[in-house]
mmCIF file of all heavy atoms, coordinates in Angstrom:
data_MODEL
# 
_entry.id   MODEL 
# 
loop_
_atom_site.group_PDB 
_atom_site.id 
_atom_site.type_symbol 
_atom_site.label_atom_id 
_atom_site.label_alt_id 
_atom_site.label_comp_id 
_atom_site.label_asym_id 
_atom_site.label_entity_id 
_atom_site.label_seq_id 
_atom_site.pdbx_PDB_ins_code 
_atom_site.Cartn_x 
_atom_site.Cartn_y 
_atom_site.Cartn_z 
_atom_site.occupancy 
_atom_site.B_iso_or_equiv 
_atom_site.pdbx_formal_charge 
_atom_site.auth_seq_id 
_atom_site.auth_comp_id 
_atom_site.auth_asym_id 
_atom_site.auth_atom_id 
_atom_site.pdbx_PDB_model_num 
ATOM 1   N N   . MET A 1 1  ? -37.813 5.451  52.127 1.00 0.00 ? 1  MET A N   1 
ATOM 2   C CA  . MET A 1 1  ? -37.691 4.088  51.714 1.00 0.00 ? 1  MET A CA  1 
ATOM 3   C C   . MET A 1 1  ? -38.771 3.793  50.630 1.00 0.00 ? 1  MET A C   1 
ATOM 4   O O   . MET A 1 1  ? -38.545 3.037  49.675 1.00 0.00 ? 1  MET A O   1 
ATOM 5   C CB  . MET A 1 1  ? -37.845 3.140  52.879 1.00 0.00 ? 1  MET A CB  1 
ATOM 6   C CG  . MET A 1 1  ? -36.751 3.286  53.921 1.00 0.00 ? 1  MET A CG  1 
ATOM 7   S SD  . MET A 1 1  ? -36.930 2.158  55.324 1.00 0.00 ? 1  MET A SD  1 
ATOM 8   C CE  . MET A 1 1  ? -36.614 0.571  54.533 1.00 0.00 ? 1  MET A CE  1 
ATOM 9   N N   . ASP A 1 2  ? -39.936 4.407  50.760 1.00 0.00 ? 2  ASP A N   1 
ATOM 10  C CA  . ASP A 1 2  ? -41.004 4.162  49.802 1.00 0.00 ? 2  ASP A CA  1 
ATOM 11  C C   . ASP A 1 2  ? -40.631 4.708  48.459 1.00 0.00 ? 2  ASP A C   1 
ATOM 12  O O   . ASP A 1 2  ? -40.893 4.047  47.428 1.00 0.00 ? 2  ASP A O   1 
ATOM 13  C CB  . ASP A 1 2  ? -42.253 4.854  50.262 1.00 0.00 ? 2  ASP A CB  1 
ATOM 14  C CG  . ASP A 1 2  ? -43.462 4.788  49.245 1.00 0.00 ? 2  ASP A CG  1 
ATOM 15  O OD1 . ASP A 1 2  ? -43.934 3.692  49.062 1.00 0.00 ? 2  ASP A OD1 1 
ATOM 16  O OD2 . ASP A 1 2  ? -43.704 5.836  48.641 1.00 0.00 ? 2  ASP A OD2 1 
ATOM 17  N N   . ARG A 1 3  ? -39.910 5.841  48.337 1.00 0.00 ? 3  ARG A N   1 
ATOM 18  C CA  . ARG A 1 3  ? -39.518 6.421  47.053 1.00 0.00 ? 3  ARG A CA  1 
ATOM 19  C C   . ARG A 1 3  ? -38.480 5.452  46.407 1.00 0.00 ? 3  ARG A C   1 
ATOM 20  O O   . ARG A 1 3  ? -38.484 5.394  45.183 1.00 0.00 ? 3  ARG A O   1 
ATOM 21  C CB  . ARG A 1 3  ? -38.905 7.836  47.301 1.00 0.00 ? 3  ARG A CB  1 
ATOM 22  C CG  . ARG A 1 3  ? -39.929 8.929  47.473 1.00 0.00 ? 3  ARG A CG  1 
ATOM 23  C CD  . ARG A 1 3  ? -39.366 10.309 47.285 1.00 0.00 ? 3  ARG A CD  1 
ATOM 24  N NE  . ARG A 1 3  ? -38.416 10.626 48.295 1.00 0.00 ? 3  ARG A NE  1 
ATOM 25  C CZ  . ARG A 1 3  ? -38.780 11.102 49.542 1.00 0.00 ? 3  ARG A CZ  1 
ATOM 26  N NH1 . ARG A 1 3  ? -40.033 11.207 49.890 1.00 0.00 ? 3  ARG A NH1 1 
ATOM 27  N NH2 . ARG A 1 3  ? -37.832 11.441 50.367 1.00 0.00 ? 3  ARG A NH2 1 
ATOM 28  N N   . LEU A 1 4  ? -37.703 4.794  47.215 1.00 0.00 ? 4  LEU A N   1 
ATOM 29  C CA  . LEU A 1 4  ? -36.810 3.825  46.616 1.00 0.00 ? 4  LEU A CA  1 
ATOM 30  C C   . LEU A 1 4  ? -37.577 2.636  45.974 1.00 0.00 ? 4  LEU A C   1 
ATOM 31  O O   . LEU A 1 4  ? -37.196 2.167  44.904 1.00 0.00 ? 4  LEU A O   1 
ATOM 32  C CB  . LEU A 1 4  ? -35.769 3.285  47.704 1.00 0.00 ? 4  LEU A CB  1 
ATOM 33  C CG  . LEU A 1 4  ? -34.578 4.021  47.986 1.00 0.00 ? 4  LEU A CG  1 
ATOM 34  C CD1 . LEU A 1 4  ? -33.760 3.287  49.016 1.00 0.00 ? 4  LEU A CD1 1 
ATOM 35  C CD2 . LEU A 1 4  ? -33.677 4.230  46.737 1.00 0.00 ? 4  LEU A CD2 1 
ATOM 36  N N   . VAL A 1 5  ? -38.604 2.235  46.685 1.00 0.00 ? 5  VAL A N   1 
ATOM 37  C CA  . VAL A 1 5  ? -39.490 1.082  46.178 1.00 0.00 ? 5  VAL A CA  1 
ATOM 38  C C   . VAL A 1 5  ? -39.968 1.491  44.786 1.00 0.00 ? 5  VAL A C   1 
ATOM 39  O O   . VAL A 1 5  ? -40.081 0.626  43.876 1.00 0.00 ? 5  VAL A O   1 
ATOM 40  C CB  . VAL A 1 5  ? -40.512 0.752  47.170 1.00 0.00 ? 5  VAL A CB  1 
ATOM 41  C CG1 . VAL A 1 5  ? -41.527 -0.163 46.548 1.00 0.00 ? 5  VAL A CG1 1 
ATOM 42  C CG2 . VAL A 1 5  ? -39.911 0.169  48.365 1.00 0.00 ? 5  VAL A CG2 1 
ATOM 43  N N   . ARG A 1 6  ? -40.352 2.734  44.580 1.00 0.00 ? 6  ARG A N   1 
ATOM 44  C CA  . ARG A 1 6  ? -40.987 3.185  43.303 1.00 0.00 ? 6  ARG A CA  1 
ATOM 45  C C   . ARG A 1 6  ? -39.903 2.963  42.116 1.00 0.00 ? 6  ARG A C   1 
ATOM 46  O O   . ARG A 1 6  ? -40.293 2.941  41.022 1.00 0.00 ? 6  ARG A O   1 
ATOM 47  C CB  . ARG A 1 6  ? -41.477 4.650  43.431 1.00 0.00 ? 6  ARG A CB  1 
ATOM 48  C CG  . ARG A 1 6  ? -42.729 4.778  44.172 1.00 0.00 ? 6  ARG A CG  1 
ATOM 49  C CD  . ARG A 1 6  ? -43.317 6.109  44.085 1.00 0.00 ? 6  ARG A CD  1 
ATOM 50  N NE  . ARG A 1 6  ? -42.630 7.141  44.935 1.00 0.00 ? 6  ARG A NE  1 
ATOM 51  C CZ  . ARG A 1 6  ? -42.215 8.234  44.539 1.00 0.00 ? 6  ARG A CZ  1 
ATOM 52  N NH1 . ARG A 1 6  ? -42.359 8.649  43.256 1.00 0.00 ? 6  ARG A NH1 1 
ATOM 53  N NH2 . ARG A 1 6  ? -41.545 9.041  45.361 1.00 0.00 ? 6  ARG A NH2 1 
ATOM 54  N N   . PHE A 1 7  ? -38.656 3.023  42.483 1.00 0.00 ? 7  PHE A N   1 
ATOM 55  C CA  . PHE A 1 7  ? -37.565 2.779  41.575 1.00 0.00 ? 7  PHE A CA  1 
ATOM 56  C C   . PHE A 1 7  ? -37.126 1.369  41.537 1.00 0.00 ? 7  PHE A C   1 
ATOM 57  O O   . PHE A 1 7  ? -36.051 1.060  41.029 1.00 0.00 ? 7  PHE A O   1 
ATOM 58  C CB  . PHE A 1 7  ? -36.426 3.767  41.825 1.00 0.00 ? 7  PHE A CB  1 
ATOM 59  C CG  . PHE A 1 7  ? -36.617 5.106  41.396 1.00 0.00 ? 7  PHE A CG  1 
ATOM 60  C CD1 . PHE A 1 7  ? -37.048 6.101  42.365 1.00 0.00 ? 7  PHE A CD1 1 
ATOM 61  C CD2 . PHE A 1 7  ? -36.616 5.489  40.025 1.00 0.00 ? 7  PHE A CD2 1 
ATOM 62  C CE1 . PHE A 1 7  ? -37.234 7.441  41.962 1.00 0.00 ? 7  PHE A CE1 1 
ATOM 63  C CE2 . PHE A 1 7  ? -36.830 6.858  39.699 1.00 0.00 ? 7  PHE A CE2 1 
ATOM 64  C CZ  . PHE A 1 7  ? -37.118 7.821  40.600 1.00 0.00 ? 7  PHE A CZ  1 
ATOM 65  N N   . ASN A 1 8  ? -37.893 0.426  42.101 1.00 0.00 ? 8  ASN A N   1 
ATOM 66  C CA  . ASN A 1 8  ? -37.616 -1.013 42.225 1.00 0.00 ? 8  ASN A CA  1 
ATOM 67  C C   . ASN A 1 8  ? -36.323 -1.278 42.922 1.00 0.00 ? 8  ASN A C   1 
ATOM 68  O O   . ASN A 1 8  ? -35.544 -2.125 42.510 1.00 0.00 ? 8  ASN A O   1 
ATOM 69  C CB  . ASN A 1 8  ? -37.564 -1.572 40.815 1.00 0.00 ? 8  ASN A CB  1 
ATOM 70  C CG  . ASN A 1 8  ? -38.882 -2.117 40.276 1.00 0.00 ? 8  ASN A CG  1 
ATOM 71  O OD1 . ASN A 1 8  ? -39.903 -1.995 41.009 1.00 0.00 ? 8  ASN A OD1 1 
ATOM 72  N ND2 . ASN A 1 8  ? -38.929 -2.767 39.208 1.00 0.00 ? 8  ASN A ND2 1 
ATOM 73  N N   . VAL A 1 9  ? -36.105 -0.504 43.946 1.00 0.00 ? 9  VAL A N   1 
ATOM 74  C CA  . VAL A 1 9  ? -34.918 -0.758 44.819 1.00 0.00 ? 9  VAL A CA  1 
ATOM 75  C C   . VAL A 1 9  ? -35.437 -0.952 46.284 1.00 0.00 ? 9  VAL A C   1 
ATOM 76  O O   . VAL A 1 9  ? -36.255 -0.173 46.755 1.00 0.00 ? 9  VAL A O   1 
ATOM 77  C CB  . VAL A 1 9  ? -33.938 0.493  44.866 1.00 0.00 ? 9  VAL A CB  1 
ATOM 78  C CG1 . VAL A 1 9  ? -32.793 0.180  45.879 1.00 0.00 ? 9  VAL A CG1 1 
ATOM 79  C CG2 . VAL A 1 9  ? -33.389 0.731  43.451 1.00 0.00 ? 9  VAL A CG2 1 
ATOM 80  N N   . LEU A 1 10 ? -35.010 -2.074 46.864 1.00 0.00 ? 10 LEU A N   1 
ATOM 81  C CA  . LEU A 1 10 ? -35.443 -2.376 48.244 1.00 0.00 ? 10 LEU A CA  1 
ATOM 82  C C   . LEU A 1 10 ? -34.302 -2.024 49.193 1.00 0.00 ? 10 LEU A C   1 
ATOM 83  O O   . LEU A 1 10 ? -33.148 -2.516 49.027 1.00 0.00 ? 10 LEU A O   1 
ATOM 84  C CB  . LEU A 1 10 ? -35.737 -3.802 48.438 1.00 0.00 ? 10 LEU A CB  1 
ATOM 85  C CG  . LEU A 1 10 ? -36.976 -4.322 47.624 1.00 0.00 ? 10 LEU A CG  1 
ATOM 86  C CD1 . LEU A 1 10 ? -37.176 -5.792 47.860 1.00 0.00 ? 10 LEU A CD1 1 
ATOM 87  C CD2 . LEU A 1 10 ? -38.229 -3.552 48.062 1.00 0.00 ? 10 LEU A CD2 1 
ATOM 88  N N   . ALA A 1 11 ? -34.545 -1.119 50.161 1.00 0.00 ? 11 ALA A N   1 
ATOM 89  C CA  . ALA A 1 11 ? -33.610 -0.728 51.122 1.00 0.00 ? 11 ALA A CA  1 
ATOM 90  C C   . ALA A 1 11 ? -33.877 -1.525 52.388 1.00 0.00 ? 11 ALA A C   1 
ATOM 91  O O   . ALA A 1 11 ? -34.950 -1.659 52.933 1.00 0.00 ? 11 ALA A O   1 
ATOM 92  C CB  . ALA A 1 11 ? -33.607 0.746  51.443 1.00 0.00 ? 11 ALA A CB  1 
ATOM 93  N N   . MET A 1 12 ? -32.759 -2.187 52.965 1.00 0.00 ? 12 MET A N   1 
ATOM 94  C CA  . MET A 1 12 ? -32.919 -2.987 54.100 1.00 0.00 ? 12 MET A CA  1 
ATOM 95  C C   . MET A 1 12 ? -33.016 -2.158 55.384 1.00 0.00 ? 12 MET A C   1 
ATOM 96  O O   . MET A 1 12 ? -33.406 -2.586 56.468 1.00 0.00 ? 12 MET A O   1 
ATOM 97  C CB  . MET A 1 12 ? -31.826 -4.053 54.280 1.00 0.00 ? 12 MET A CB  1 
ATOM 98  C CG  . MET A 1 12 ? -31.554 -4.881 53.012 1.00 0.00 ? 12 MET A CG  1 
ATOM 99  S SD  . MET A 1 12 ? -33.057 -5.768 52.540 1.00 0.00 ? 12 MET A SD  1 
ATOM 100 C CE  . MET A 1 12 ? -32.552 -6.565 51.037 1.00 0.00 ? 12 MET A CE  1 
ATOM 101 N N   . SER A 1 13 ? -32.678 -0.862 55.333 1.00 0.00 ? 13 SER A N   1 
ATOM 102 C CA  . SER A 1 13 ? -32.711 0.015  56.443 1.00 0.00 ? 13 SER A CA  1 
ATOM 103 C C   . SER A 1 13 ? -32.707 1.422  55.995 1.00 0.00 ? 13 SER A C   1 
ATOM 104 O O   . SER A 1 13 ? -32.243 1.813  54.934 1.00 0.00 ? 13 SER A O   1 
ATOM 105 C CB  . SER A 1 13 ? -31.478 -0.170 57.289 1.00 0.00 ? 13 SER A CB  1 
ATOM 106 O OG  . SER A 1 13 ? -30.297 0.325  56.653 1.00 0.00 ? 13 SER A OG  1 
ATOM 107 N N   . GLY A 1 14 ? -33.359 2.331  56.821 1.00 0.00 ? 14 GLY A N   1 
ATOM 108 C CA  . GLY A 1 14 ? -33.359 3.711  56.540 1.00 0.00 ? 14 GLY A CA  1 
ATOM 109 C C   . GLY A 1 14 ? -31.981 4.298  56.632 1.00 0.00 ? 14 GLY A C   1 
ATOM 110 O O   . GLY A 1 14 ? -31.668 5.351  55.971 1.00 0.00 ? 14 GLY A O   1 
ATOM 111 N N   . ARG A 1 15 ? -31.026 3.700  57.405 1.00 0.00 ? 15 ARG A N   1 
ATOM 112 C CA  . ARG A 1 15 ? -29.656 4.178  57.546 1.00 0.00 ? 15 ARG A CA  1 
ATOM 113 C C   . ARG A 1 15 ? -29.051 4.122  56.202 1.00 0.00 ? 15 ARG A C   1 
ATOM 114 O O   . ARG A 1 15 ? -28.305 5.059  55.829 1.00 0.00 ? 15 ARG A O   1 
ATOM 115 C CB  . ARG A 1 15 ? -28.969 3.292  58.448 1.00 0.00 ? 15 ARG A CB  1 
ATOM 116 C CG  . ARG A 1 15 ? -27.496 3.656  58.704 1.00 0.00 ? 15 ARG A CG  1 
ATOM 117 C CD  . ARG A 1 15 ? -26.662 2.534  59.435 1.00 0.00 ? 15 ARG A CD  1 
ATOM 118 N NE  . ARG A 1 15 ? -27.315 2.301  60.729 1.00 0.00 ? 15 ARG A NE  1 
ATOM 119 C CZ  . ARG A 1 15 ? -26.772 2.830  61.811 1.00 0.00 ? 15 ARG A CZ  1 
ATOM 120 N NH1 . ARG A 1 15 ? -25.747 3.681  61.819 1.00 0.00 ? 15 ARG A NH1 1 
ATOM 121 N NH2 . ARG A 1 15 ? -27.352 2.585  63.013 1.00 0.00 ? 15 ARG A NH2 1 
ATOM 122 N N   . ALA A 1 16 ? -29.295 3.106  55.377 1.00 0.00 ? 16 ALA A N   1 
ATOM 123 C CA  . ALA A 1 16 ? -28.731 3.035  54.027 1.00 0.00 ? 16 ALA A CA  1 
ATOM 124 C C   . ALA A 1 16 ? -29.237 4.134  53.097 1.00 0.00 ? 16 ALA A C   1 
ATOM 125 O O   . ALA A 1 16 ? -28.463 4.689  52.328 1.00 0.00 ? 16 ALA A O   1 
ATOM 126 C CB  . ALA A 1 16 ? -29.021 1.625  53.374 1.00 0.00 ? 16 ALA A CB  1 
ATOM 127 N N   . VAL A 1 17 ? -30.518 4.422  53.208 1.00 0.00 ? 17 VAL A N   1 
ATOM 128 C CA  . VAL A 1 17 ? -31.061 5.535  52.387 1.00 0.00 ? 17 VAL A CA  1 
ATOM 129 C C   . VAL A 1 17 ? -30.365 6.789  52.723 1.00 0.00 ? 17 VAL A C   1 
ATOM 130 O O   . VAL A 1 17 ? -30.030 7.639  51.855 1.00 0.00 ? 17 VAL A O   1 
ATOM 131 C CB  . VAL A 1 17 ? -32.599 5.597  52.586 1.00 0.00 ? 17 VAL A CB  1 
ATOM 132 C CG1 . VAL A 1 17 ? -33.219 6.617  51.596 1.00 0.00 ? 17 VAL A CG1 1 
ATOM 133 C CG2 . VAL A 1 17 ? -33.272 4.260  52.286 1.00 0.00 ? 17 VAL A CG2 1 
ATOM 134 N N   . GLU A 1 18 ? -30.262 7.103  54.026 1.00 0.00 ? 18 GLU A N   1 
ATOM 135 C CA  . GLU A 1 18 ? -29.627 8.293  54.530 1.00 0.00 ? 18 GLU A CA  1 
ATOM 136 C C   . GLU A 1 18 ? -28.196 8.406  54.022 1.00 0.00 ? 18 GLU A C   1 
ATOM 137 O O   . GLU A 1 18 ? -27.732 9.503  53.609 1.00 0.00 ? 18 GLU A O   1 
ATOM 138 C CB  . GLU A 1 18 ? -29.729 8.374  56.075 1.00 0.00 ? 18 GLU A CB  1 
ATOM 139 C CG  . GLU A 1 18 ? -29.559 9.711  56.631 1.00 0.00 ? 18 GLU A CG  1 
ATOM 140 C CD  . GLU A 1 18 ? -29.910 9.743  58.102 1.00 0.00 ? 18 GLU A CD  1 
ATOM 141 O OE1 . GLU A 1 18 ? -29.065 9.324  58.859 1.00 0.00 ? 18 GLU A OE1 1 
ATOM 142 O OE2 . GLU A 1 18 ? -31.097 10.084 58.365 1.00 0.00 ? 18 GLU A OE2 1 
ATOM 143 N N   . ALA A 1 19 ? -27.443 7.274  54.165 1.00 0.00 ? 19 ALA A N   1 
ATOM 144 C CA  . ALA A 1 19 ? -26.017 7.309  53.768 1.00 0.00 ? 19 ALA A CA  1 
ATOM 145 C C   . ALA A 1 19 ? -25.895 7.535  52.256 1.00 0.00 ? 19 ALA A C   1 
ATOM 146 O O   . ALA A 1 19 ? -24.935 8.205  51.830 1.00 0.00 ? 19 ALA A O   1 
ATOM 147 C CB  . ALA A 1 19 ? -25.369 5.948  54.120 1.00 0.00 ? 19 ALA A CB  1 
ATOM 148 N N   . ALA A 1 20 ? -26.885 7.075  51.494 1.00 0.00 ? 20 ALA A N   1 
ATOM 149 C CA  . ALA A 1 20 ? -26.840 7.302  50.028 1.00 0.00 ? 20 ALA A CA  1 
ATOM 150 C C   . ALA A 1 20 ? -26.790 8.814  49.682 1.00 0.00 ? 20 ALA A C   1 
ATOM 151 O O   . ALA A 1 20 ? -26.194 9.181  48.665 1.00 0.00 ? 20 ALA A O   1 
ATOM 152 C CB  . ALA A 1 20 ? -28.017 6.647  49.387 1.00 0.00 ? 20 ALA A CB  1 
ATOM 153 N N   . GLY A 1 21 ? -27.358 9.625  50.495 1.00 0.00 ? 21 GLY A N   1 
ATOM 154 C CA  . GLY A 1 21 ? -27.376 11.089 50.240 1.00 0.00 ? 21 GLY A CA  1 
ATOM 155 C C   . GLY A 1 21 ? -26.051 11.673 50.395 1.00 0.00 ? 21 GLY A C   1 
ATOM 156 O O   . GLY A 1 21 ? -25.839 12.817 49.889 1.00 0.00 ? 21 GLY A O   1 
ATOM 157 N N   . ASP A 1 22 ? -25.085 11.070 50.986 1.00 0.00 ? 22 ASP A N   1 
ATOM 158 C CA  . ASP A 1 22 ? -23.756 11.593 51.181 1.00 0.00 ? 22 ASP A CA  1 
ATOM 159 C C   . ASP A 1 22 ? -22.584 10.828 50.566 1.00 0.00 ? 22 ASP A C   1 
ATOM 160 O O   . ASP A 1 22 ? -21.561 11.042 50.931 1.00 0.00 ? 22 ASP A O   1 
ATOM 161 C CB  . ASP A 1 22 ? -23.446 11.701 52.711 1.00 0.00 ? 22 ASP A CB  1 
ATOM 162 C CG  . ASP A 1 22 ? -24.347 12.755 53.377 1.00 0.00 ? 22 ASP A CG  1 
ATOM 163 O OD1 . ASP A 1 22 ? -24.545 13.875 52.757 1.00 0.00 ? 22 ASP A OD1 1 
ATOM 164 O OD2 . ASP A 1 22 ? -24.743 12.554 54.549 1.00 0.00 ? 22 ASP A OD2 1 
ATOM 165 N N   . VAL A 1 23 ? -22.900 9.951  49.623 1.00 0.00 ? 23 VAL A N   1 
ATOM 166 C CA  . VAL A 1 23 ? -21.967 9.066  48.980 1.00 0.00 ? 23 VAL A CA  1 
ATOM 167 C C   . VAL A 1 23 ? -20.938 9.906  48.244 1.00 0.00 ? 23 VAL A C   1 
ATOM 168 O O   . VAL A 1 23 ? -21.243 10.818 47.558 1.00 0.00 ? 23 VAL A O   1 
ATOM 169 C CB  . VAL A 1 23 ? -22.682 8.028  48.066 1.00 0.00 ? 23 VAL A CB  1 
ATOM 170 C CG1 . VAL A 1 23 ? -21.598 7.466  47.064 1.00 0.00 ? 23 VAL A CG1 1 
ATOM 171 C CG2 . VAL A 1 23 ? -23.322 6.986  48.867 1.00 0.00 ? 23 VAL A CG2 1 
ATOM 172 N N   . ASP A 1 24 ? -19.644 9.588  48.328 1.00 0.00 ? 24 ASP A N   1 
ATOM 173 C CA  . ASP A 1 24 ? -18.545 10.221 47.688 1.00 0.00 ? 24 ASP A CA  1 
ATOM 174 C C   . ASP A 1 24 ? -17.939 9.379  46.560 1.00 0.00 ? 24 ASP A C   1 
ATOM 175 O O   . ASP A 1 24 ? -17.533 9.877  45.554 1.00 0.00 ? 24 ASP A O   1 
ATOM 176 C CB  . ASP A 1 24 ? -17.440 10.573 48.666 1.00 0.00 ? 24 ASP A CB  1 
ATOM 177 C CG  . ASP A 1 24 ? -17.954 11.462 49.810 1.00 0.00 ? 24 ASP A CG  1 
ATOM 178 O OD1 . ASP A 1 24 ? -18.229 12.603 49.552 1.00 0.00 ? 24 ASP A OD1 1 
ATOM 179 O OD2 . ASP A 1 24 ? -17.888 10.993 50.948 1.00 0.00 ? 24 ASP A OD2 1 
ATOM 180 N N   . THR A 1 25 ? -17.895 8.072  46.826 1.00 0.00 ? 25 THR A N   1 
ATOM 181 C CA  . THR A 1 25 ? -17.279 7.112  45.877 1.00 0.00 ? 25 THR A CA  1 
ATOM 182 C C   . THR A 1 25 ? -18.164 5.982  45.640 1.00 0.00 ? 25 THR A C   1 
ATOM 183 O O   . THR A 1 25 ? -18.810 5.444  46.466 1.00 0.00 ? 25 THR A O   1 
ATOM 184 C CB  . THR A 1 25 ? -15.916 6.601  46.513 1.00 0.00 ? 25 THR A CB  1 
ATOM 185 O OG1 . THR A 1 25 ? -15.095 7.704  46.861 1.00 0.00 ? 25 THR A OG1 1 
ATOM 186 C CG2 . THR A 1 25 ? -15.200 5.759  45.522 1.00 0.00 ? 25 THR A CG2 1 
ATOM 187 N N   . LEU A 1 26 ? -18.223 5.596  44.333 1.00 0.00 ? 26 LEU A N   1 
ATOM 188 C CA  . LEU A 1 26 ? -18.995 4.431  43.907 1.00 0.00 ? 26 LEU A CA  1 
ATOM 189 C C   . LEU A 1 26 ? -18.048 3.399  43.282 1.00 0.00 ? 26 LEU A C   1 
ATOM 190 O O   . LEU A 1 26 ? -17.363 3.657  42.287 1.00 0.00 ? 26 LEU A O   1 
ATOM 191 C CB  . LEU A 1 26 ? -20.065 4.787  42.897 1.00 0.00 ? 26 LEU A CB  1 
ATOM 192 C CG  . LEU A 1 26 ? -20.784 3.658  42.166 1.00 0.00 ? 26 LEU A CG  1 
ATOM 193 C CD1 . LEU A 1 26 ? -21.453 2.795  43.147 1.00 0.00 ? 26 LEU A CD1 1 
ATOM 194 C CD2 . LEU A 1 26 ? -21.765 4.202  41.150 1.00 0.00 ? 26 LEU A CD2 1 
ATOM 195 N N   . LEU A 1 27 ? -18.002 2.174  43.874 1.00 0.00 ? 27 LEU A N   1 
ATOM 196 C CA  . LEU A 1 27 ? -17.267 1.063  43.348 1.00 0.00 ? 27 LEU A CA  1 
ATOM 197 C C   . LEU A 1 27 ? -18.218 0.164  42.568 1.00 0.00 ? 27 LEU A C   1 
ATOM 198 O O   . LEU A 1 27 ? -19.274 -0.226 43.145 1.00 0.00 ? 27 LEU A O   1 
ATOM 199 C CB  . LEU A 1 27 ? -16.570 0.358  44.402 1.00 0.00 ? 27 LEU A CB  1 
ATOM 200 C CG  . LEU A 1 27 ? -15.667 1.094  45.408 1.00 0.00 ? 27 LEU A CG  1 
ATOM 201 C CD1 . LEU A 1 27 ? -15.026 0.161  46.368 1.00 0.00 ? 27 LEU A CD1 1 
ATOM 202 C CD2 . LEU A 1 27 ? -14.687 1.958  44.609 1.00 0.00 ? 27 LEU A CD2 1 
ATOM 203 N N   . LEU A 1 28 ? -17.939 -0.182 41.338 1.00 0.00 ? 28 LEU A N   1 
ATOM 204 C CA  . LEU A 1 28 ? -18.797 -1.017 40.492 1.00 0.00 ? 28 LEU A CA  1 
ATOM 205 C C   . LEU A 1 28 ? -18.043 -2.218 39.998 1.00 0.00 ? 28 LEU A C   1 
ATOM 206 O O   . LEU A 1 28 ? -16.913 -2.108 39.425 1.00 0.00 ? 28 LEU A O   1 
ATOM 207 C CB  . LEU A 1 28 ? -19.360 -0.257 39.322 1.00 0.00 ? 28 LEU A CB  1 
ATOM 208 C CG  . LEU A 1 28 ? -20.053 0.995  39.668 1.00 0.00 ? 28 LEU A CG  1 
ATOM 209 C CD1 . LEU A 1 28 ? -19.225 2.192  39.197 1.00 0.00 ? 28 LEU A CD1 1 
ATOM 210 C CD2 . LEU A 1 28 ? -21.422 1.019  38.920 1.00 0.00 ? 28 LEU A CD2 1 
# 
């Protein structure tokens, strides 16, 4: 979570950081 903060991104949970490592699809 701290490494995300260094990129000016706030994660509301560690679960979200972990899920980001396995993302398959990005909707924008």
